[in-house]
Amino acid sequence: MKTKEKIIGLRELRENTDTYITKVGRGESFLVIRRSKPIFRLSHPEADEESGWETVVDFTKIRPGGVPVDEVLKELRKLNG
């Protein structure tokens, strides 16, 4: 069952990011607007099975606590030349 999407402003999201991360983790979704125009949708990647989202690697399974982003970026840069 799909829940109704809530509308929030970009400023609200910036000022309360941790709150919205928690809410999205619980399955809520939000339409983010700026100057009364929608700019993006914020939802859990698994909320919409047809979204095309695919987990390629779960870095938390490689190392407890995950892999630092700088290490991931370093390896990606090696791959791209």
PDB file of N, CA and C in Angstrom:
ATOM      1  N   MET A   1       0.831  -1.183   0.000  1.00  0.00           N
ATOM      2  CA  MET A   1       0.000   0.000   0.000  1.00  0.00           C
ATOM      3  C   MET A   1       0.876   1.246   0.000  1.00  0.00           C
ATOM      4  N   LYS A   2       0.642   2.119  -0.927  1.00  0.00           N
ATOM      5  CA  LYS A   2       1.441   3.320  -1.056  1.00  0.00           C
ATOM      6  C   LYS A   2       0.874   4.420  -0.150  1.00  0.00           C
ATOM      7  N   THR A   3       1.776   5.046   0.650  1.00  0.00           N
ATOM      8  CA  THR A   3       1.329   6.110   1.535  1.00  0.00           C
ATOM      9  C   THR A   3       1.327   7.428   0.790  1.00  0.00           C
ATOM     10  N   LYS A   4       0.516   8.371   1.282  1.00  0.00           N
ATOM     11  CA  LYS A   4       0.439   9.677   0.648  1.00  0.00           C
ATOM     12  C   LYS A   4       1.766  10.419   0.824  1.00  0.00           C
ATOM     13  N   GLU A   5       2.219  11.001  -0.240  1.00  0.00           N
ATOM     14  CA  GLU A   5       3.479  11.741  -0.242  1.00  0.00           C
ATOM     15  C   GLU A   5       3.275  13.122   0.388  1.00  0.00           C
ATOM     16  N   LYS A   6       4.174  13.505   1.251  1.00  0.00           N
ATOM     17  CA  LYS A   6       4.092  14.817   1.890  1.00  0.00           C
ATOM     18  C   LYS A   6       4.949  15.814   1.120  1.00  0.00           C
ATOM     19  N   ILE A   7       4.567  17.075   1.158  1.00  0.00           N
ATOM     20  CA  ILE A   7       5.309  18.131   0.475  1.00  0.00           C
ATOM     21  C   ILE A   7       6.100  18.923   1.510  1.00  0.00           C
ATOM     22  N   ILE A   8       7.409  19.111   1.238  1.00  0.00           N
ATOM     23  CA  ILE A   8       8.258  19.906   2.127  1.00  0.00           C
ATOM     24  C   ILE A   8       9.104  20.859   1.290  1.00  0.00           C
ATOM     25  N   GLY A   9       9.520  21.928   1.890  1.00  0.00           N
ATOM     26  CA  GLY A   9      10.396  22.874   1.219  1.00  0.00           C
ATOM     27  C   GLY A   9      11.850  22.445   1.322  1.00  0.00           C
ATOM     28  N   LEU A  10      12.643  22.883   0.368  1.00  0.00           N
ATOM     29  CA  LEU A  10      14.065  22.553   0.357  1.00  0.00           C
ATOM     30  C   LEU A  10      14.752  23.063   1.619  1.00  0.00           C
ATOM     31  N   ARG A  11      14.411  24.250   2.059  1.00  0.00           N
ATOM     32  CA  ARG A  11      15.006  24.801   3.279  1.00  0.00           C
ATOM     33  C   ARG A  11      14.693  23.909   4.480  1.00  0.00           C
ATOM     34  N   GLU A  12      13.443  23.468   4.575  1.00  0.00           N
ATOM     35  CA  GLU A  12      13.030  22.570   5.657  1.00  0.00           C
ATOM     36  C   GLU A  12      13.877  21.307   5.646  1.00  0.00           C
ATOM     37  N   LEU A  13      14.094  20.736   4.473  1.00  0.00           N
ATOM     38  CA  LEU A  13      14.909  19.533   4.353  1.00  0.00           C
ATOM     39  C   LEU A  13      16.341  19.798   4.795  1.00  0.00           C
ATOM     40  N   ARG A  14      16.916  20.907   4.335  1.00  0.00           N
ATOM     41  CA  ARG A  14      18.306  21.233   4.717  1.00  0.00           C
ATOM     42  C   ARG A  14      18.445  21.419   6.220  1.00  0.00           C
ATOM     43  N   GLU A  15      17.486  22.074   6.827  1.00  0.00           N
ATOM     44  CA  GLU A  15      17.575  22.381   8.255  1.00  0.00           C
ATOM     45  C   GLU A  15      17.264  21.184   9.150  1.00  0.00           C
ATOM     46  N   ASN A  16      16.603  20.174   8.610  1.00  0.00           N
ATOM     47  CA  ASN A  16      16.186  19.013   9.413  1.00  0.00           C
ATOM     48  C   ASN A  16      16.501  17.694   8.713  1.00  0.00           C
ATOM     49  N   THR A  17      17.660  17.626   8.085  1.00  0.00           N
ATOM     50  CA  THR A  17      18.032  16.457   7.288  1.00  0.00           C
ATOM     51  C   THR A  17      17.939  15.156   8.069  1.00  0.00           C
ATOM     52  N   ASP A  18      18.482  15.118   9.287  1.00  0.00           N
ATOM     53  CA  ASP A  18      18.458  13.869  10.062  1.00  0.00           C
ATOM     54  C   ASP A  18      17.040  13.387  10.345  1.00  0.00           C
ATOM     55  N   THR A  19      16.147  14.318  10.601  1.00  0.00           N
ATOM     56  CA  THR A  19      14.746  13.959  10.844  1.00  0.00           C
ATOM     57  C   THR A  19      14.149  13.286   9.616  1.00  0.00           C
ATOM     58  N   TYR A  20      14.419  13.859   8.427  1.00  0.00           N
ATOM     59  CA  TYR A  20      13.851  13.295   7.206  1.00  0.00           C
ATOM     60  C   TYR A  20      14.522  11.982   6.816  1.00  0.00           C
ATOM     61  N   ILE A  21      15.785  11.814   7.130  1.00  0.00           N
ATOM     62  CA  ILE A  21      16.449  10.528   6.892  1.00  0.00           C
ATOM     63  C   ILE A  21      15.744   9.441   7.695  1.00  0.00           C
ATOM     64  N   THR A  22      15.452   9.738   8.944  1.00  0.00           N
ATOM     65  CA  THR A  22      14.749   8.778   9.795  1.00  0.00           C
ATOM     66  C   THR A  22      13.366   8.458   9.242  1.00  0.00           C
ATOM     67  N   LYS A  23      12.640   9.479   8.828  1.00  0.00           N
ATOM     68  CA  LYS A  23      11.288   9.279   8.301  1.00  0.00           C
ATOM     69  C   LYS A  23      11.300   8.471   7.008  1.00  0.00           C
ATOM     70  N   VAL A  24      12.241   8.746   6.128  1.00  0.00           N
ATOM     71  CA  VAL A  24      12.349   7.990   4.878  1.00  0.00           C
ATOM     72  C   VAL A  24      12.701   6.538   5.186  1.00  0.00           C
ATOM     73  N   GLY A  25      13.564   6.328   6.169  1.00  0.00           N
ATOM     74  CA  GLY A  25      13.913   4.970   6.578  1.00  0.00           C
ATOM     75  C   GLY A  25      12.714   4.186   7.083  1.00  0.00           C
ATOM     76  N   ARG A  26      11.696   4.888   7.587  1.00  0.00           N
ATOM     77  CA  ARG A  26      10.470   4.243   8.061  1.00  0.00           C
ATOM     78  C   ARG A  26       9.438   4.085   6.951  1.00  0.00           C
ATOM     79  N   GLY A  27       9.791   4.510   5.745  1.00  0.00           N
ATOM     80  CA  GLY A  27       8.890   4.307   4.612  1.00  0.00           C
ATOM     81  C   GLY A  27       8.134   5.538   4.140  1.00  0.00           C
ATOM     82  N   GLU A  28       8.328   6.686   4.789  1.00  0.00           N
ATOM     83  CA  GLU A  28       7.646   7.897   4.336  1.00  0.00           C
ATOM     84  C   GLU A  28       8.349   8.438   3.090  1.00  0.00           C
ATOM     85  N   SER A  29       7.599   9.173   2.273  1.00  0.00           N
ATOM     86  CA  SER A  29       8.198   9.805   1.096  1.00  0.00           C
ATOM     87  C   SER A  29       7.763  11.259   1.038  1.00  0.00           C
ATOM     88  N   PHE A  30       8.580  12.073   0.377  1.00  0.00           N
ATOM     89  CA  PHE A  30       8.362  13.514   0.349  1.00  0.00           C
ATOM     90  C   PHE A  30       8.628  14.065  -1.038  1.00  0.00           C
ATOM     91  N   LEU A  31       7.833  15.046  -1.417  1.00  0.00           N
ATOM     92  CA  LEU A  31       8.080  15.809  -2.622  1.00  0.00           C
ATOM     93  C   LEU A  31       8.715  17.114  -2.155  1.00  0.00           C
ATOM     94  N   VAL A  32       9.935  17.366  -2.595  1.00  0.00           N
ATOM     95  CA  VAL A  32      10.671  18.553  -2.155  1.00  0.00           C
ATOM     96  C   VAL A  32      10.457  19.662  -3.176  1.00  0.00           C
ATOM     97  N   ILE A  33      10.063  20.839  -2.664  1.00  0.00           N
ATOM     98  CA  ILE A  33       9.793  21.965  -3.550  1.00  0.00           C
ATOM     99  C   ILE A  33      10.727  23.135  -3.234  1.00  0.00           C
ATOM    100  N   ARG A  34      10.934  23.959  -4.246  1.00  0.00           N
ATOM    101  CA  ARG A  34      11.676  25.217  -4.094  1.00  0.00           C
ATOM    102  C   ARG A  34      10.927  26.264  -4.894  1.00  0.00           C
ATOM    103  N   ARG A  35      10.589  27.344  -4.251  1.00  0.00           N
ATOM    104  CA  ARG A  35       9.813  28.420  -4.885  1.00  0.00           C
ATOM    105  C   ARG A  35       8.543  27.883  -5.530  1.00  0.00           C
ATOM    106  N   SER A  36       7.859  27.041  -4.781  1.00  0.00           N
ATOM    107  CA  SER A  36       6.569  26.456  -5.185  1.00  0.00           C
ATOM    108  C   SER A  36       6.645  25.506  -6.373  1.00  0.00           C
ATOM    109  N   LYS A  37       7.847  25.077  -6.755  1.00  0.00           N
ATOM    110  CA  LYS A  37       7.986  24.129  -7.854  1.00  0.00           C
ATOM    111  C   LYS A  37       8.660  22.857  -7.354  1.00  0.00           C
ATOM    112  N   PRO A  38       8.135  21.705  -7.732  1.00  0.00           N
ATOM    113  CA  PRO A  38       8.763  20.445  -7.321  1.00  0.00           C
ATOM    114  C   PRO A  38      10.142  20.298  -7.960  1.00  0.00           C
ATOM    115  N   ILE A  39      11.125  19.882  -7.145  1.00  0.00           N
ATOM    116  CA  ILE A  39      12.477  19.700  -7.694  1.00  0.00           C
ATOM    117  C   ILE A  39      12.966  18.256  -7.599  1.00  0.00           C
ATOM    118  N   PHE A  40      12.516  17.517  -6.588  1.00  0.00           N
ATOM    119  CA  PHE A  40      12.830  16.091  -6.538  1.00  0.00           C
ATOM    120  C   PHE A  40      11.957  15.395  -5.511  1.00  0.00           C
ATOM    121  N   ARG A  41      11.966  14.069  -5.585  1.00  0.00           N
ATOM    122  CA  ARG A  41      11.197  13.228  -4.679  1.00  0.00           C
ATOM    123  C   ARG A  41      12.191  12.509  -3.771  1.00  0.00           C
ATOM    124  N   LEU A  42      11.861  12.439  -2.498  1.00  0.00           N
ATOM    125  CA  LEU A  42      12.711  11.789  -1.505  1.00  0.00           C
ATOM    126  C   LEU A  42      11.972  10.564  -0.991  1.00  0.00           C
ATOM    127  N   SER A  43      12.510   9.382  -1.267  1.00  0.00           N
ATOM    128  CA  SER A  43      11.858   8.157  -0.813  1.00  0.00           C
ATOM    129  C   SER A  43      12.904   7.068  -0.637  1.00  0.00           C
ATOM    130  N   HIS A  44      12.523   6.039   0.074  1.00  0.00           N
ATOM    131  CA  HIS A  44      13.415   4.897   0.287  1.00  0.00           C
ATOM    132  C   HIS A  44      13.603   4.182  -1.047  1.00  0.00           C
ATOM    133  N   PRO A  45      14.814   3.736  -1.367  1.00  0.00           N
ATOM    134  CA  PRO A  45      15.060   3.099  -2.667  1.00  0.00           C
ATOM    135  C   PRO A  45      14.215   1.855  -2.910  1.00  0.00           C
ATOM    136  N   GLU A  46      13.818   1.172  -1.861  1.00  0.00           N
ATOM    137  CA  GLU A  46      13.032  -0.049  -2.034  1.00  0.00           C
ATOM    138  C   GLU A  46      11.529   0.214  -2.002  1.00  0.00           C
ATOM    139  N   ALA A  47      11.129   1.477  -1.855  1.00  0.00           N
ATOM    140  CA  ALA A  47       9.703   1.807  -1.756  1.00  0.00           C
ATOM    141  C   ALA A  47       8.963   1.547  -3.058  1.00  0.00           C
ATOM    142  N   ASP A  48       9.611   1.745  -4.169  1.00  0.00           N
ATOM    143  CA  ASP A  48       8.980   1.557  -5.474  1.00  0.00           C
ATOM    144  C   ASP A  48       9.766   0.510  -6.235  1.00  0.00           C
ATOM    145  N   GLU A  49       9.206  -0.683  -6.326  1.00  0.00           N
ATOM    146  CA  GLU A  49       9.919  -1.784  -6.973  1.00  0.00           C
ATOM    147  C   GLU A  49      10.220  -1.519  -8.440  1.00  0.00           C
ATOM    148  N   GLU A  50       9.461  -0.630  -9.068  1.00  0.00           N
ATOM    149  CA  GLU A  50       9.667  -0.342 -10.478  1.00  0.00           C
ATOM    150  C   GLU A  50      10.586   0.847 -10.714  1.00  0.00           C
ATOM    151  N   SER A  51      11.208   1.338  -9.652  1.00  0.00           N
ATOM    152  CA  SER A  51      12.053   2.529  -9.780  1.00  0.00           C
ATOM    153  C   SER A  51      13.356   2.239 -10.511  1.00  0.00           C
ATOM    154  N   GLY A  52      13.719   0.973 -10.596  1.00  0.00           N
ATOM    155  CA  GLY A  52      14.965   0.636 -11.261  1.00  0.00           C
ATOM    156  C   GLY A  52      16.164   0.644 -10.317  1.00  0.00           C
ATOM    157  N   TRP A  53      15.932   0.894  -9.028  1.00  0.00           N
ATOM    158  CA  TRP A  53      17.020   0.918  -8.054  1.00  0.00           C
ATOM    159  C   TRP A  53      17.510  -0.496  -7.817  1.00  0.00           C
ATOM    160  N   GLU A  54      18.811  -0.665  -7.828  1.00  0.00           N
ATOM    161  CA  GLU A  54      19.395  -1.977  -7.612  1.00  0.00           C
ATOM    162  C   GLU A  54      20.602  -1.832  -6.706  1.00  0.00           C
ATOM    163  N   THR A  55      20.666  -2.649  -5.653  1.00  0.00           N
ATOM    164  CA  THR A  55      21.831  -2.648  -4.786  1.00  0.00           C
ATOM    165  C   THR A  55      22.908  -3.484  -5.455  1.00  0.00           C
ATOM    166  N   VAL A  56      24.035  -2.859  -5.750  1.00  0.00           N
ATOM    167  CA  VAL A  56      25.127  -3.559  -6.409  1.00  0.00           C
ATOM    168  C   VAL A  56      26.076  -4.148  -5.376  1.00  0.00           C
ATOM    169  N   VAL A  57      26.457  -3.347  -4.399  1.00  0.00           N
ATOM    170  CA  VAL A  57      27.367  -3.802  -3.349  1.00  0.00           C
ATOM    171  C   VAL A  57      26.881  -3.239  -2.021  1.00  0.00           C
ATOM    172  N   ASP A  58      26.824  -4.079  -1.013  1.00  0.00           N
ATOM    173  CA  ASP A  58      26.518  -3.625   0.341  1.00  0.00           C
ATOM    174  C   ASP A  58      27.842  -3.546   1.086  1.00  0.00           C
ATOM    175  N   PHE A  59      28.374  -2.335   1.195  1.00  0.00           N
ATOM    176  CA  PHE A  59      29.693  -2.144   1.796  1.00  0.00           C
ATOM    177  C   PHE A  59      29.723  -2.482   3.282  1.00  0.00           C
ATOM    178  N   THR A  60      28.576  -2.528   3.932  1.00  0.00           N
ATOM    179  CA  THR A  60      28.555  -2.896   5.349  1.00  0.00           C
ATOM    180  C   THR A  60      28.869  -4.377   5.538  1.00  0.00           C
ATOM    181  N   LYS A  61      28.711  -5.170   4.473  1.00  0.00           N
ATOM    182  CA  LYS A  61      29.035  -6.589   4.564  1.00  0.00           C
ATOM    183  C   LYS A  61      30.516  -6.841   4.299  1.00  0.00           C
ATOM    184  N   ILE A  62      31.201  -5.880   3.701  1.00  0.00           N
ATOM    185  CA  ILE A  62      32.629  -6.015   3.427  1.00  0.00           C
ATOM    186  C   ILE A  62      33.434  -5.745   4.692  1.00  0.00           C
ATOM    187  N   ARG A  63      33.031  -4.728   5.427  1.00  0.00           N
ATOM    188  CA  ARG A  63      33.739  -4.319   6.635  1.00  0.00           C
ATOM    189  C   ARG A  63      32.717  -3.811   7.645  1.00  0.00           C
ATOM    190  N   PRO A  64      32.794  -4.272   8.904  1.00  0.00           N
ATOM    191  CA  PRO A  64      31.846  -3.772   9.905  1.00  0.00           C
ATOM    192  C   PRO A  64      31.859  -2.241   9.955  1.00  0.00           C
ATOM    193  N   GLY A  65      30.686  -1.641   9.904  1.00  0.00           N
ATOM    194  CA  GLY A  65      30.592  -0.183   9.910  1.00  0.00           C
ATOM    195  C   GLY A  65      30.675   0.422   8.529  1.00  0.00           C
ATOM    196  N   GLY A  66      30.896  -0.423   7.510  1.00  0.00           N
ATOM    197  CA  GLY A  66      30.961   0.081   6.140  1.00  0.00           C
ATOM    198  C   GLY A  66      32.366   0.442   5.708  1.00  0.00           C
ATOM    199  N   VAL A  67      32.478   1.012   4.546  1.00  0.00           N
ATOM    200  CA  VAL A  67      33.752   1.419   3.959  1.00  0.00           C
ATOM    201  C   VAL A  67      33.735   2.939   3.848  1.00  0.00           C
ATOM    202  N   PRO A  68      34.788   3.616   4.319  1.00  0.00           N
ATOM    203  CA  PRO A  68      34.823   5.081   4.214  1.00  0.00           C
ATOM    204  C   PRO A  68      34.684   5.536   2.766  1.00  0.00           C
ATOM    205  N   VAL A  69      33.916   6.589   2.564  1.00  0.00           N
ATOM    206  CA  VAL A  69      33.628   7.074   1.219  1.00  0.00           C
ATOM    207  C   VAL A  69      34.897   7.461   0.465  1.00  0.00           C
ATOM    208  N   ASP A  70      35.914   7.975   1.158  1.00  0.00           N
ATOM    209  CA  ASP A  70      37.141   8.362   0.462  1.00  0.00           C
ATOM    210  C   ASP A  70      37.840   7.145  -0.144  1.00  0.00           C
ATOM    211  N   GLU A  71      37.732   5.983   0.504  1.00  0.00           N
ATOM    212  CA  GLU A  71      38.318   4.761  -0.063  1.00  0.00           C
ATOM    213  C   GLU A  71      37.551   4.325  -1.313  1.00  0.00           C
ATOM    214  N   VAL A  72      36.242   4.428  -1.264  1.00  0.00           N
ATOM    215  CA  VAL A  72      35.416   4.060  -2.416  1.00  0.00           C
ATOM    216  C   VAL A  72      35.733   4.965  -3.592  1.00  0.00           C
ATOM    217  N   LEU A  73      35.781   6.283  -3.339  1.00  0.00           N
ATOM    218  CA  LEU A  73      36.081   7.235  -4.411  1.00  0.00           C
ATOM    219  C   LEU A  73      37.466   7.013  -4.994  1.00  0.00           C
ATOM    220  N   LYS A  74      38.419   6.709  -4.154  1.00  0.00           N
ATOM    221  CA  LYS A  74      39.793   6.443  -4.612  1.00  0.00           C
ATOM    222  C   LYS A  74      39.814   5.264  -5.586  1.00  0.00           C
ATOM    223  N   GLU A  75      39.080   4.194  -5.240  1.00  0.00           N
ATOM    224  CA  GLU A  75      39.031   3.020  -6.114  1.00  0.00           C
ATOM    225  C   GLU A  75      38.288   3.321  -7.414  1.00  0.00           C
ATOM    226  N   LEU A  76      37.223   4.115  -7.332  1.00  0.00           N
ATOM    227  CA  LEU A  76      36.494   4.487  -8.549  1.00  0.00           C
ATOM    228  C   LEU A  76      37.354   5.321  -9.481  1.00  0.00           C
ATOM    229  N   ARG A  77      38.157   6.209  -8.911  1.00  0.00           N
ATOM    230  CA  ARG A  77      39.049   7.038  -9.741  1.00  0.00           C
ATOM    231  C   ARG A  77      40.081   6.171 -10.455  1.00  0.00           C
ATOM    232  N   LYS A  78      40.563   5.130  -9.791  1.00  0.00           N
ATOM    233  CA  LYS A  78      41.512   4.208 -10.432  1.00  0.00           C
ATOM    234  C   LYS A  78      40.872   3.546 -11.657  1.00  0.00           C
ATOM    235  N   LEU A  79      39.610   3.159 -11.509  1.00  0.00           N
ATOM    236  CA  LEU A  79      38.899   2.489 -12.606  1.00  0.00           C
ATOM    237  C   LEU A  79      38.679   3.415 -13.800  1.00  0.00           C
ATOM    238  N   ASN A  80      38.470   4.696 -13.523  1.00  0.00           N
ATOM    239  CA  ASN A  80      38.177   5.659 -14.586  1.00  0.00           C
ATOM    240  C   ASN A  80      39.411   6.315 -15.182  1.00  0.00           C
ATOM    241  N   GLY A  81      40.554   5.839 -14.790  1.00  0.00           N
ATOM    242  CA  GLY A  81      41.778   6.337 -15.404  1.00  0.00           C
ATOM    243  C   GLY A  81      42.429   7.360 -14.596  1.00  0.00           C
TER     244      GLY A  81
END
